[in-house]
């Protein structure tokens, strides 16, 4: 996507946010990744949270809807 295509950027953001809000994003995500996530056996693993100093300040870190957390499975 061209970084100057603001209309496409807005349309993609709107669509993704709607899918997240109505739960359809999670349904698709889990349909695709359920087997892999089950095999990962997160309950038996130690999770390390790392800071990424190269991440943009615009990254919505506080919006928990946007981040996968193995502890919430």
N, C-alpha and C. Protein backbone atom coordinates (compact mmCIF):
# COMPACT_ATOMS: atom_id res chain seq x y z
N UNK A 1 0.85 -1.16 0.00
CA UNK A 1 0.00 0.00 0.00
C UNK A 1 0.90 1.23 0.00
N UNK A 2 0.57 2.19 -0.80
CA UNK A 2 1.30 3.45 -0.84
C UNK A 2 1.02 4.22 0.45
N UNK A 3 2.08 4.65 1.13
CA UNK A 3 1.90 5.34 2.41
C UNK A 3 1.12 6.64 2.28
N UNK A 4 1.00 7.17 1.07
CA UNK A 4 0.26 8.41 0.86
C UNK A 4 -1.21 8.17 0.51
N UNK A 5 -1.62 6.91 0.42
CA UNK A 5 -3.00 6.59 0.08
C UNK A 5 -3.84 6.61 1.36
N UNK A 6 -4.21 7.80 1.77
CA UNK A 6 -4.93 7.96 3.04
C UNK A 6 -6.34 7.36 3.00
N UNK A 7 -6.96 7.36 1.82
CA UNK A 7 -8.30 6.79 1.71
C UNK A 7 -8.26 5.28 1.96
N UNK A 8 -7.28 4.61 1.37
CA UNK A 8 -7.15 3.17 1.58
C UNK A 8 -6.78 2.87 3.03
N UNK A 9 -5.90 3.67 3.58
CA UNK A 9 -5.50 3.52 4.99
C UNK A 9 -6.73 3.61 5.90
N UNK A 10 -7.55 4.62 5.66
CA UNK A 10 -8.75 4.82 6.48
C UNK A 10 -9.74 3.66 6.31
N UNK A 11 -9.90 3.18 5.08
CA UNK A 11 -10.83 2.08 4.82
C UNK A 11 -10.37 0.80 5.50
N UNK A 12 -9.08 0.51 5.43
CA UNK A 12 -8.54 -0.69 6.09
C UNK A 12 -8.70 -0.58 7.59
N UNK A 13 -8.36 0.57 8.16
CA UNK A 13 -8.51 0.76 9.61
C UNK A 13 -9.96 0.61 10.04
N UNK A 14 -10.87 1.20 9.29
CA UNK A 14 -12.29 1.10 9.62
C UNK A 14 -12.76 -0.35 9.57
N UNK A 15 -12.39 -1.06 8.52
CA UNK A 15 -12.79 -2.45 8.39
C UNK A 15 -12.23 -3.33 9.50
N UNK A 16 -10.94 -3.15 9.81
CA UNK A 16 -10.34 -3.94 10.88
C UNK A 16 -10.97 -3.63 12.23
N UNK A 17 -11.20 -2.36 12.50
CA UNK A 17 -11.82 -2.00 13.78
C UNK A 17 -13.24 -2.54 13.90
N UNK A 18 -13.99 -2.52 12.81
CA UNK A 18 -15.34 -3.10 12.83
C UNK A 18 -15.28 -4.60 13.09
N UNK A 19 -14.33 -5.27 12.43
CA UNK A 19 -14.18 -6.72 12.61
C UNK A 19 -13.77 -7.05 14.05
N UNK A 20 -12.91 -6.24 14.62
CA UNK A 20 -12.50 -6.44 16.02
C UNK A 20 -13.69 -6.21 16.94
N UNK A 21 -14.42 -5.13 16.70
CA UNK A 21 -15.56 -4.77 17.56
C UNK A 21 -16.68 -5.81 17.52
N UNK A 22 -16.96 -6.36 16.33
CA UNK A 22 -18.08 -7.31 16.24
C UNK A 22 -17.66 -8.76 16.47
N UNK A 23 -16.36 -8.98 16.73
CA UNK A 23 -15.88 -10.31 17.05
C UNK A 23 -15.48 -11.16 15.86
N UNK A 24 -15.74 -10.68 14.64
CA UNK A 24 -15.44 -11.50 13.47
C UNK A 24 -13.93 -11.66 13.24
N UNK A 25 -13.13 -10.68 13.65
CA UNK A 25 -11.68 -10.82 13.53
C UNK A 25 -11.20 -12.00 14.38
N UNK A 26 -11.66 -12.07 15.62
CA UNK A 26 -11.26 -13.17 16.51
C UNK A 26 -11.71 -14.53 15.96
N UNK A 27 -12.90 -14.59 15.40
CA UNK A 27 -13.38 -15.85 14.82
C UNK A 27 -12.46 -16.32 13.70
N UNK A 28 -12.09 -15.40 12.82
CA UNK A 28 -11.20 -15.74 11.71
C UNK A 28 -9.82 -16.10 12.24
N UNK A 29 -9.30 -15.31 13.17
CA UNK A 29 -7.97 -15.56 13.74
C UNK A 29 -7.90 -16.95 14.35
N UNK A 30 -8.90 -17.28 15.16
CA UNK A 30 -8.88 -18.58 15.84
C UNK A 30 -9.15 -19.74 14.89
N UNK A 31 -9.94 -19.50 13.86
CA UNK A 31 -10.17 -20.54 12.86
C UNK A 31 -8.85 -20.90 12.16
N UNK A 32 -8.04 -19.90 11.88
CA UNK A 32 -6.78 -20.13 11.18
C UNK A 32 -5.70 -20.68 12.11
N UNK A 33 -5.63 -20.15 13.33
CA UNK A 33 -4.49 -20.46 14.21
C UNK A 33 -4.81 -21.37 15.39
N UNK A 34 -6.03 -21.86 15.53
CA UNK A 34 -6.41 -22.65 16.72
C UNK A 34 -5.51 -23.86 16.91
N UNK A 35 -5.23 -24.60 15.86
CA UNK A 35 -4.40 -25.80 15.99
C UNK A 35 -2.99 -25.47 16.44
N UNK A 36 -2.41 -24.44 15.85
CA UNK A 36 -1.05 -24.04 16.21
C UNK A 36 -1.00 -23.55 17.65
N UNK A 37 -1.99 -22.76 18.05
CA UNK A 37 -2.02 -22.24 19.41
C UNK A 37 -2.19 -23.36 20.43
N UNK A 38 -3.01 -24.35 20.11
CA UNK A 38 -3.20 -25.48 21.02
C UNK A 38 -1.91 -26.28 21.18
N UNK A 39 -1.20 -26.47 20.09
CA UNK A 39 0.07 -27.21 20.13
C UNK A 39 1.16 -26.45 20.87
N UNK A 40 1.03 -25.14 20.97
CA UNK A 40 2.06 -24.34 21.65
C UNK A 40 2.07 -24.60 23.15
N UNK A 41 0.95 -25.10 23.68
CA UNK A 41 0.86 -25.47 25.10
C UNK A 41 1.33 -24.34 26.02
N UNK A 42 0.70 -23.20 25.89
CA UNK A 42 1.12 -22.01 26.64
C UNK A 42 1.09 -22.20 28.15
N UNK A 43 0.21 -23.05 28.64
CA UNK A 43 0.12 -23.26 30.09
C UNK A 43 1.41 -23.84 30.67
N UNK A 44 2.17 -24.52 29.84
CA UNK A 44 3.41 -25.14 30.30
C UNK A 44 4.65 -24.33 29.92
N UNK A 45 4.45 -23.11 29.47
CA UNK A 45 5.57 -22.29 29.02
C UNK A 45 5.71 -21.04 29.89
N UNK A 46 6.89 -20.51 29.90
CA UNK A 46 7.14 -19.26 30.59
C UNK A 46 7.09 -18.14 29.55
N UNK A 47 6.36 -17.10 29.85
CA UNK A 47 6.19 -15.99 28.92
C UNK A 47 7.10 -14.84 29.35
N UNK A 48 7.86 -14.34 28.41
CA UNK A 48 8.72 -13.19 28.65
C UNK A 48 8.17 -12.00 27.88
N UNK A 49 8.00 -10.90 28.54
CA UNK A 49 7.56 -9.68 27.88
C UNK A 49 8.78 -8.79 27.69
N UNK A 50 9.02 -8.43 26.44
CA UNK A 50 10.20 -7.65 26.09
C UNK A 50 9.80 -6.26 25.61
N UNK A 51 10.61 -5.30 25.90
CA UNK A 51 10.40 -3.94 25.42
C UNK A 51 11.02 -3.81 24.05
N UNK A 52 10.32 -3.18 23.13
CA UNK A 52 10.83 -2.96 21.78
C UNK A 52 11.07 -1.46 21.60
N UNK A 53 12.31 -1.05 21.68
CA UNK A 53 12.65 0.36 21.56
C UNK A 53 12.52 0.90 20.15
N UNK A 54 12.31 0.02 19.18
CA UNK A 54 12.18 0.45 17.79
C UNK A 54 10.73 0.61 17.36
N UNK A 55 9.80 0.28 18.25
CA UNK A 55 8.39 0.40 17.93
C UNK A 55 7.99 1.87 17.89
N UNK A 56 7.17 2.21 16.94
CA UNK A 56 6.72 3.59 16.78
C UNK A 56 5.95 4.05 18.03
N UNK A 57 6.10 5.31 18.35
CA UNK A 57 5.34 5.88 19.48
C UNK A 57 3.85 5.90 19.18
N UNK A 58 3.49 5.75 17.92
CA UNK A 58 2.08 5.74 17.52
C UNK A 58 1.44 4.36 17.71
N UNK A 59 2.23 3.36 18.05
CA UNK A 59 1.70 2.01 18.24
C UNK A 59 0.74 2.00 19.43
N UNK A 60 -0.49 1.55 19.22
CA UNK A 60 -1.50 1.57 20.30
C UNK A 60 -1.30 0.43 21.31
N UNK A 61 -0.27 0.55 22.11
CA UNK A 61 0.06 -0.52 23.06
C UNK A 61 -1.02 -0.75 24.10
N UNK A 62 -1.78 0.26 24.44
CA UNK A 62 -2.79 0.14 25.49
C UNK A 62 -4.11 -0.45 25.01
N UNK A 63 -4.26 -0.63 23.70
CA UNK A 63 -5.49 -1.21 23.17
C UNK A 63 -5.34 -2.73 23.15
N UNK A 64 -5.77 -3.38 24.21
CA UNK A 64 -5.58 -4.82 24.40
C UNK A 64 -6.29 -5.66 23.33
N UNK A 65 -7.27 -5.07 22.64
CA UNK A 65 -7.96 -5.80 21.57
C UNK A 65 -7.01 -6.16 20.43
N UNK A 66 -5.92 -5.41 20.31
CA UNK A 66 -5.03 -5.55 19.16
C UNK A 66 -3.87 -6.51 19.38
N UNK A 67 -3.74 -7.05 20.59
CA UNK A 67 -2.56 -7.84 20.91
C UNK A 67 -2.95 -9.24 21.38
N UNK A 68 -2.26 -10.22 20.84
CA UNK A 68 -2.46 -11.59 21.28
C UNK A 68 -1.71 -11.80 22.58
N UNK A 69 -2.36 -12.40 23.55
CA UNK A 69 -1.71 -12.74 24.81
C UNK A 69 -1.97 -14.21 25.11
N UNK A 70 -0.92 -15.01 25.20
CA UNK A 70 -1.13 -16.43 25.47
C UNK A 70 -1.74 -16.69 26.84
N UNK A 71 -1.63 -15.74 27.75
CA UNK A 71 -2.18 -15.92 29.09
C UNK A 71 -3.69 -15.74 29.12
N UNK A 72 -4.25 -15.15 28.07
CA UNK A 72 -5.70 -14.93 28.01
C UNK A 72 -6.42 -16.03 27.24
N UNK A 73 -5.73 -17.11 26.94
CA UNK A 73 -6.33 -18.18 26.14
C UNK A 73 -6.93 -19.24 27.02
